[in-house]
PDB file of N, CA and C in Angstrom:
ATOM      1  N   MET A   1       0.848  -1.181   0.000  1.00  0.00           N
ATOM      2  CA  MET A   1       0.000   0.000   0.000  1.00  0.00           C
ATOM      3  C   MET A   1       0.893   1.243   0.000  1.00  0.00           C
ATOM      4  N   ASN A   2       0.560   2.199  -0.834  1.00  0.00           N
ATOM      5  CA  ASN A   2       1.323   3.431  -0.955  1.00  0.00           C
ATOM      6  C   ASN A   2       0.668   4.513  -0.096  1.00  0.00           C
ATOM      7  N   ASN A   3       1.428   5.134   0.797  1.00  0.00           N
ATOM      8  CA  ASN A   3       0.882   6.140   1.712  1.00  0.00           C
ATOM      9  C   ASN A   3       0.993   7.564   1.182  1.00  0.00           C
ATOM     10  N   LYS A   4       1.357   7.743  -0.079  1.00  0.00           N
ATOM     11  CA  LYS A   4       1.494   9.091  -0.634  1.00  0.00           C
ATOM     12  C   LYS A   4       0.125   9.657  -0.986  1.00  0.00           C
ATOM     13  N   LEU A   5       0.020  10.984  -0.821  1.00  0.00           N
ATOM     14  CA  LEU A   5      -1.218  11.656  -1.186  1.00  0.00           C
ATOM     15  C   LEU A   5      -1.333  11.768  -2.698  1.00  0.00           C
ATOM     16  N   ARG A   6      -2.525  11.883  -3.157  1.00  0.00           N
ATOM     17  CA  ARG A   6      -2.755  12.097  -4.581  1.00  0.00           C
ATOM     18  C   ARG A   6      -2.184  13.447  -5.005  1.00  0.00           C
ATOM     19  N   SER A   7      -1.891  13.583  -6.275  1.00  0.00           N
ATOM     20  CA  SER A   7      -1.291  14.822  -6.779  1.00  0.00           C
ATOM     21  C   SER A   7      -2.227  16.015  -6.615  1.00  0.00           C
ATOM     22  N   GLU A   8      -3.538  15.802  -6.626  1.00  0.00           N
ATOM     23  CA  GLU A   8      -4.465  16.931  -6.479  1.00  0.00           C
ATOM     24  C   GLU A   8      -4.491  17.501  -5.065  1.00  0.00           C
ATOM     25  N   TYR A   9      -3.867  16.811  -4.120  1.00  0.00           N
ATOM     26  CA  TYR A   9      -3.794  17.306  -2.746  1.00  0.00           C
ATOM     27  C   TYR A   9      -2.478  18.041  -2.540  1.00  0.00           C
ATOM     28  N   ASP A  10      -2.296  19.136  -3.227  1.00  0.00           N
ATOM     29  CA  ASP A  10      -1.072  19.922  -3.115  1.00  0.00           C
ATOM     30  C   ASP A  10      -1.294  21.012  -2.080  1.00  0.00           C
ATOM     31  N   PHE A  11      -0.920  20.747  -0.847  1.00  0.00           N
ATOM     32  CA  PHE A  11      -1.165  21.687   0.247  1.00  0.00           C
ATOM     33  C   PHE A  11      -0.312  22.938   0.153  1.00  0.00           C
ATOM     34  N   ALA A  12       0.755  22.890  -0.610  1.00  0.00           N
ATOM     35  CA  ALA A  12       1.603  24.069  -0.786  1.00  0.00           C
ATOM     36  C   ALA A  12       0.845  25.176  -1.507  1.00  0.00           C
ATOM     37  N   GLN A  13      -0.113  24.825  -2.331  1.00  0.00           N
ATOM     38  CA  GLN A  13      -0.879  25.823  -3.082  1.00  0.00           C
ATOM     39  C   GLN A  13      -2.112  26.303  -2.327  1.00  0.00           C
ATOM     40  N   MET A  14      -2.433  25.695  -1.224  1.00  0.00           N
ATOM     41  CA  MET A  14      -3.613  26.099  -0.455  1.00  0.00           C
ATOM     42  C   MET A  14      -3.275  27.312   0.395  1.00  0.00           C
ATOM     43  N   GLU A  15      -4.198  28.242   0.464  1.00  0.00           N
ATOM     44  CA  GLU A  15      -3.988  29.451   1.252  1.00  0.00           C
ATOM     45  C   GLU A  15      -5.072  29.589   2.311  1.00  0.00           C
ATOM     46  N   GLY A  16      -4.730  30.238   3.402  1.00  0.00           N
ATOM     47  CA  GLY A  16      -5.717  30.573   4.412  1.00  0.00           C
ATOM     48  C   GLY A  16      -6.000  29.496   5.438  1.00  0.00           C
ATOM     49  N   GLY A  17      -5.357  28.362   5.330  1.00  0.00           N
ATOM     50  CA  GLY A  17      -5.578  27.310   6.310  1.00  0.00           C
ATOM     51  C   GLY A  17      -4.961  27.667   7.648  1.00  0.00           C
ATOM     52  N   VAL A  18      -5.703  27.444   8.712  1.00  0.00           N
ATOM     53  CA  VAL A  18      -5.211  27.751  10.052  1.00  0.00           C
ATOM     54  C   VAL A  18      -5.277  26.482  10.884  1.00  0.00           C
ATOM     55  N   ARG A  19      -4.134  26.043  11.361  1.00  0.00           N
ATOM     56  CA  ARG A  19      -4.080  24.832  12.175  1.00  0.00           C
ATOM     57  C   ARG A  19      -4.740  25.101  13.530  1.00  0.00           C
ATOM     58  N   GLY A  20      -5.641  24.226  13.932  1.00  0.00           N
ATOM     59  CA  GLY A  20      -6.298  24.349  15.233  1.00  0.00           C
ATOM     60  C   GLY A  20      -7.354  25.429  15.298  1.00  0.00           C
ATOM     61  N   LYS A  21      -7.876  25.840  14.166  1.00  0.00           N
ATOM     62  CA  LYS A  21      -8.847  26.929  14.112  1.00  0.00           C
ATOM     63  C   LYS A  21     -10.076  26.654  14.981  1.00  0.00           C
ATOM     64  N   TYR A  22     -10.523  25.432  15.020  1.00  0.00           N
ATOM     65  CA  TYR A  22     -11.750  25.094  15.746  1.00  0.00           C
ATOM     66  C   TYR A  22     -11.504  24.280  17.014  1.00  0.00           C
ATOM     67  N   VAL A  23     -10.271  24.216  17.463  1.00  0.00           N
ATOM     68  CA  VAL A  23      -9.954  23.333  18.589  1.00  0.00           C
ATOM     69  C   VAL A  23     -10.678  23.742  19.873  1.00  0.00           C
ATOM     70  N   GLU A  24     -10.776  25.027  20.160  1.00  0.00           N
ATOM     71  CA  GLU A  24     -11.453  25.464  21.393  1.00  0.00           C
ATOM     72  C   GLU A  24     -12.939  25.162  21.338  1.00  0.00           C
ATOM     73  N   ARG A  25     -13.578  25.388  20.201  1.00  0.00           N
ATOM     74  CA  ARG A  25     -14.995  25.072  20.052  1.00  0.00           C
ATOM     75  C   ARG A  25     -15.210  23.577  20.227  1.00  0.00           C
ATOM     76  N   TYR A  26     -14.320  22.791  19.658  1.00  0.00           N
ATOM     77  CA  TYR A  26     -14.406  21.337  19.770  1.00  0.00           C
ATOM     78  C   TYR A  26     -14.298  20.904  21.228  1.00  0.00           C
ATOM     79  N   ARG A  27     -13.350  21.473  21.942  1.00  0.00           N
ATOM     80  CA  ARG A  27     -13.144  21.089  23.348  1.00  0.00           C
ATOM     81  C   ARG A  27     -14.334  21.443  24.230  1.00  0.00           C
ATOM     82  N   THR A  28     -14.982  22.556  23.966  1.00  0.00           N
ATOM     83  CA  THR A  28     -16.104  22.975  24.813  1.00  0.00           C
ATOM     84  C   THR A  28     -17.407  22.287  24.444  1.00  0.00           C
ATOM     85  N   GLN A  29     -17.505  21.750  23.236  1.00  0.00           N
ATOM     86  CA  GLN A  29     -18.771  21.165  22.793  1.00  0.00           C
ATOM     87  C   GLN A  29     -18.734  19.651  22.700  1.00  0.00           C
ATOM     88  N   THR A  30     -17.679  19.034  23.144  1.00  0.00           N
ATOM     89  CA  THR A  30     -17.612  17.576  23.113  1.00  0.00           C
ATOM     90  C   THR A  30     -17.182  17.059  24.477  1.00  0.00           C
ATOM     91  N   ASN A  31     -17.507  15.829  24.727  1.00  0.00           N
ATOM     92  CA  ASN A  31     -17.106  15.189  25.965  1.00  0.00           C
ATOM     93  C   ASN A  31     -16.750  13.750  25.627  1.00  0.00           C
ATOM     94  N   LEU A  32     -15.569  13.573  25.113  1.00  0.00           N
ATOM     95  CA  LEU A  32     -15.121  12.239  24.731  1.00  0.00           C
ATOM     96  C   LEU A  32     -14.438  11.570  25.907  1.00  0.00           C
ATOM     97  N   VAL A  33     -14.715  10.305  26.071  1.00  0.00           N
ATOM     98  CA  VAL A  33     -14.107   9.528  27.140  1.00  0.00           C
ATOM     99  C   VAL A  33     -13.540   8.259  26.528  1.00  0.00           C
ATOM    100  N   ARG A  34     -12.321   7.955  26.855  1.00  0.00           N
ATOM    101  CA  ARG A  34     -11.686   6.741  26.349  1.00  0.00           C
ATOM    102  C   ARG A  34     -11.840   5.654  27.406  1.00  0.00           C
ATOM    103  N   LEU A  35     -12.480   4.560  27.015  1.00  0.00           N
ATOM    104  CA  LEU A  35     -12.703   3.439  27.932  1.00  0.00           C
ATOM    105  C   LEU A  35     -11.544   2.461  27.831  1.00  0.00           C
ATOM    106  N   ASP A  36     -11.184   1.888  28.954  1.00  0.00           N
ATOM    107  CA  ASP A  36     -10.198   0.810  28.946  1.00  0.00           C
ATOM    108  C   ASP A  36     -10.810  -0.390  28.227  1.00  0.00           C
ATOM    109  N   PRO A  37      -9.989  -1.218  27.603  1.00  0.00           N
ATOM    110  CA  PRO A  37     -10.512  -2.339  26.818  1.00  0.00           C
ATOM    111  C   PRO A  37     -11.453  -3.260  27.587  1.00  0.00           C
ATOM    112  N   ASP A  38     -11.142  -3.540  28.851  1.00  0.00           N
ATOM    113  CA  ASP A  38     -12.007  -4.443  29.615  1.00  0.00           C
ATOM    114  C   ASP A  38     -13.370  -3.818  29.881  1.00  0.00           C
ATOM    115  N   VAL A  39     -13.422  -2.514  30.080  1.00  0.00           N
ATOM    116  CA  VAL A  39     -14.688  -1.825  30.293  1.00  0.00           C
ATOM    117  C   VAL A  39     -15.456  -1.746  28.977  1.00  0.00           C
ATOM    118  N   ALA A  40     -14.773  -1.453  27.892  1.00  0.00           N
ATOM    119  CA  ALA A  40     -15.416  -1.325  26.583  1.00  0.00           C
ATOM    120  C   ALA A  40     -16.087  -2.626  26.149  1.00  0.00           C
ATOM    121  N   GLN A  41     -15.564  -3.758  26.579  1.00  0.00           N
ATOM    122  CA  GLN A  41     -16.168  -5.040  26.222  1.00  0.00           C
ATOM    123  C   GLN A  41     -17.572  -5.188  26.798  1.00  0.00           C
ATOM    124  N   ALA A  42     -17.837  -4.525  27.916  1.00  0.00           N
ATOM    125  CA  ALA A  42     -19.141  -4.639  28.566  1.00  0.00           C
ATOM    126  C   ALA A  42     -20.204  -3.759  27.909  1.00  0.00           C
ATOM    127  N   PHE A  43     -19.777  -2.813  27.070  1.00  0.00           N
ATOM    128  CA  PHE A  43     -20.705  -1.863  26.473  1.00  0.00           C
ATOM    129  C   PHE A  43     -20.569  -1.886  24.955  1.00  0.00           C
ATOM    130  N   PRO A  44     -21.609  -2.354  24.261  1.00  0.00           N
ATOM    131  CA  PRO A  44     -21.519  -2.451  22.805  1.00  0.00           C
ATOM    132  C   PRO A  44     -21.609  -1.106  22.080  1.00  0.00           C
ATOM    133  N   ASN A  45     -22.167  -0.079  22.741  1.00  0.00           N
ATOM    134  CA  ASN A  45     -22.319   1.216  22.071  1.00  0.00           C
ATOM    135  C   ASN A  45     -22.502   2.332  23.099  1.00  0.00           C
ATOM    136  N   ASP A  46     -22.602   3.570  22.613  1.00  0.00           N
ATOM    137  CA  ASP A  46     -22.735   4.708  23.511  1.00  0.00           C
ATOM    138  C   ASP A  46     -24.041   4.708  24.296  1.00  0.00           C
ATOM    139  N   GLU A  47     -25.102   4.164  23.710  1.00  0.00           N
ATOM    140  CA  GLU A  47     -26.375   4.089  24.424  1.00  0.00           C
ATOM    141  C   GLU A  47     -26.254   3.213  25.672  1.00  0.00           C
ATOM    142  N   ALA A  48     -25.542   2.107  25.570  1.00  0.00           N
ATOM    143  CA  ALA A  48     -25.355   1.209  26.713  1.00  0.00           C
ATOM    144  C   ALA A  48     -24.551   1.894  27.815  1.00  0.00           C
ATOM    145  N   VAL A  49     -23.551   2.669  27.435  1.00  0.00           N
ATOM    146  CA  VAL A  49     -22.752   3.400  28.430  1.00  0.00           C
ATOM    147  C   VAL A  49     -23.618   4.436  29.123  1.00  0.00           C
ATOM    148  N   ASN A  50     -24.387   5.201  28.353  1.00  0.00           N
ATOM    149  CA  ASN A  50     -25.252   6.220  28.942  1.00  0.00           C
ATOM    150  C   ASN A  50     -26.300   5.618  29.867  1.00  0.00           C
ATOM    151  N   ASN A  51     -26.896   4.503  29.478  1.00  0.00           N
ATOM    152  CA  ASN A  51     -27.889   3.847  30.337  1.00  0.00           C
ATOM    153  C   ASN A  51     -27.271   3.385  31.645  1.00  0.00           C
ATOM    154  N   ALA A  52     -26.081   2.817  31.576  1.00  0.00           N
ATOM    155  CA  ALA A  52     -25.409   2.357  32.790  1.00  0.00           C
ATOM    156  C   ALA A  52     -25.069   3.529  33.705  1.00  0.00           C
ATOM    157  N   LEU A  53     -24.605   4.621  33.134  1.00  0.00           N
ATOM    158  CA  LEU A  53     -24.271   5.785  33.951  1.00  0.00           C
ATOM    159  C   LEU A  53     -25.511   6.431  34.558  1.00  0.00           C
ATOM    160  N   ARG A  54     -26.599   6.470  33.792  1.00  0.00           N
ATOM    161  CA  ARG A  54     -27.847   7.015  34.355  1.00  0.00           C
ATOM    162  C   ARG A  54     -28.342   6.172  35.527  1.00  0.00           C
ATOM    163  N   LEU A  55     -28.230   4.862  35.407  1.00  0.00           N
ATOM    164  CA  LEU A  55     -28.621   3.978  36.494  1.00  0.00           C
ATOM    165  C   LEU A  55     -27.738   4.208  37.719  1.00  0.00           C
ATOM    166  N   LEU A  56     -26.453   4.369  37.492  1.00  0.00           N
ATOM    167  CA  LEU A  56     -25.533   4.633  38.593  1.00  0.00           C
ATOM    168  C   LEU A  56     -25.871   5.960  39.280  1.00  0.00           C
ATOM    169  N   ILE A  57     -26.205   6.973  38.505  1.00  0.00           N
ATOM    170  CA  ILE A  57     -26.608   8.264  39.074  1.00  0.00           C
ATOM    171  C   ILE A  57     -27.871   8.112  39.901  1.00  0.00           C
ATOM    172  N   GLU A  58     -28.831   7.366  39.381  1.00  0.00           N
ATOM    173  CA  GLU A  58     -30.095   7.147  40.102  1.00  0.00           C
ATOM    174  C   GLU A  58     -29.849   6.422  41.422  1.00  0.00           C
ATOM    175  N   ILE A  59     -29.008   5.419  41.407  1.00  0.00           N
ATOM    176  CA  ILE A  59     -28.685   4.674  42.634  1.00  0.00           C
ATOM    177  C   ILE A  59     -27.994   5.588  43.637  1.00  0.00           C
ATOM    178  N   ALA A  60     -27.062   6.384  43.159  1.00  0.00           N
ATOM    179  CA  ALA A  60     -26.335   7.287  44.053  1.00  0.00           C
ATOM    180  C   ALA A  60     -27.269   8.321  44.676  1.00  0.00           C
ATOM    181  N   GLN A  61     -28.242   8.796  43.913  1.00  0.00           N
ATOM    182  CA  GLN A  61     -29.182   9.778  44.443  1.00  0.00           C
ATOM    183  C   GLN A  61     -30.140   9.173  45.453  1.00  0.00           C
ATOM    184  N   CYS A  62     -30.391   7.875  45.355  1.00  0.00           N
ATOM    185  CA  CYS A  62     -31.282   7.202  46.304  1.00  0.00           C
ATOM    186  C   CYS A  62     -30.598   6.934  47.639  1.00  0.00           C
ATOM    187  N   GLN A  63     -29.292   6.863  47.615  1.00  0.00           N
ATOM    188  CA  GLN A  63     -28.544   6.607  48.843  1.00  0.00           C
ATOM    189  C   GLN A  63     -28.571   7.863  49.702  1.00  0.00           C
ATOM    190  N   GLN A  64     -29.025   7.708  50.945  1.00  0.00           N
ATOM    191  CA  GLN A  64     -29.047   8.843  51.853  1.00  0.00           C
ATOM    192  C   GLN A  64     -28.028   8.589  52.948  1.00  0.00           C
ATOM    193  N   PRO A  65     -27.192   9.558  53.195  1.00  0.00           N
ATOM    194  CA  PRO A  65     -26.179   9.375  54.253  1.00  0.00           C
ATOM    195  C   PRO A  65     -26.841   9.271  55.625  1.00  0.00           C
ATOM    196  N   ASN A  66     -26.264   8.473  56.480  1.00  0.00           N
ATOM    197  CA  ASN A  66     -26.745   8.315  57.857  1.00  0.00           C
ATOM    198  C   ASN A  66     -26.261   9.499  58.690  1.00  0.00           C
ATOM    199  N   SER A  67     -26.901  10.615  58.507  1.00  0.00           N
ATOM    200  CA  SER A  67     -26.478  11.823  59.221  1.00  0.00           C
ATOM    201  C   SER A  67     -27.094  11.916  60.617  1.00  0.00           C
ATOM    202  N   THR A  68     -28.174  11.187  60.840  1.00  0.00           N
ATOM    203  CA  THR A  68     -28.789  11.221  62.167  1.00  0.00           C
ATOM    204  C   THR A  68     -28.493   9.900  62.867  1.00  0.00           C
ATOM    205  N   VAL A  69     -28.008  10.015  64.071  1.00  0.00           N
ATOM    206  CA  VAL A  69     -27.696   8.835  64.867  1.00  0.00           C
ATOM    207  C   VAL A  69     -28.718   8.752  66.006  1.00  0.00           C
ATOM    208  N   GLN A  70     -29.365   7.605  66.112  1.00  0.00           N
ATOM    209  CA  GLN A  70     -30.342   7.422  67.177  1.00  0.00           C
ATOM    210  C   GLN A  70     -29.614   7.085  68.474  1.00  0.00           C
ATOM    211  N   GLN A  71     -30.004   7.743  69.505  1.00  0.00           N
ATOM    212  CA  GLN A  71     -29.392   7.500  70.809  1.00  0.00           C
ATOM    213  C   GLN A  71     -30.262   6.523  71.591  1.00  0.00           C
ATOM    214  N   ILE A  72     -29.621   5.567  72.235  1.00  0.00           N
ATOM    215  CA  ILE A  72     -30.336   4.583  73.067  1.00  0.00           C
ATOM    216  C   ILE A  72     -30.444   5.167  74.466  1.00  0.00           C
ATOM    217  N   GLU A  73     -31.653   5.207  74.999  1.00  0.00           N
ATOM    218  CA  GLU A  73     -31.847   5.761  76.346  1.00  0.00           C
ATOM    219  C   GLU A  73     -32.099   4.682  77.349  1.00  0.00           C
TER     220      GLU A  73
END
């Protein structure tokens, strides 16, 4: 396989290109997360990840800290 670009892709003749022009917009409007391979095996797609995280959030919100201690008299 040849890794050379086609002749019509002559970047030397292109003008006005700015490297990283949209990088800040990209960073503020995306939330990419890289999963470890063992975790990724458990989730076939983004919907499965979102469902699992929503369930985890729901469980965490149901947990109430034991802030009141009953005293034995």
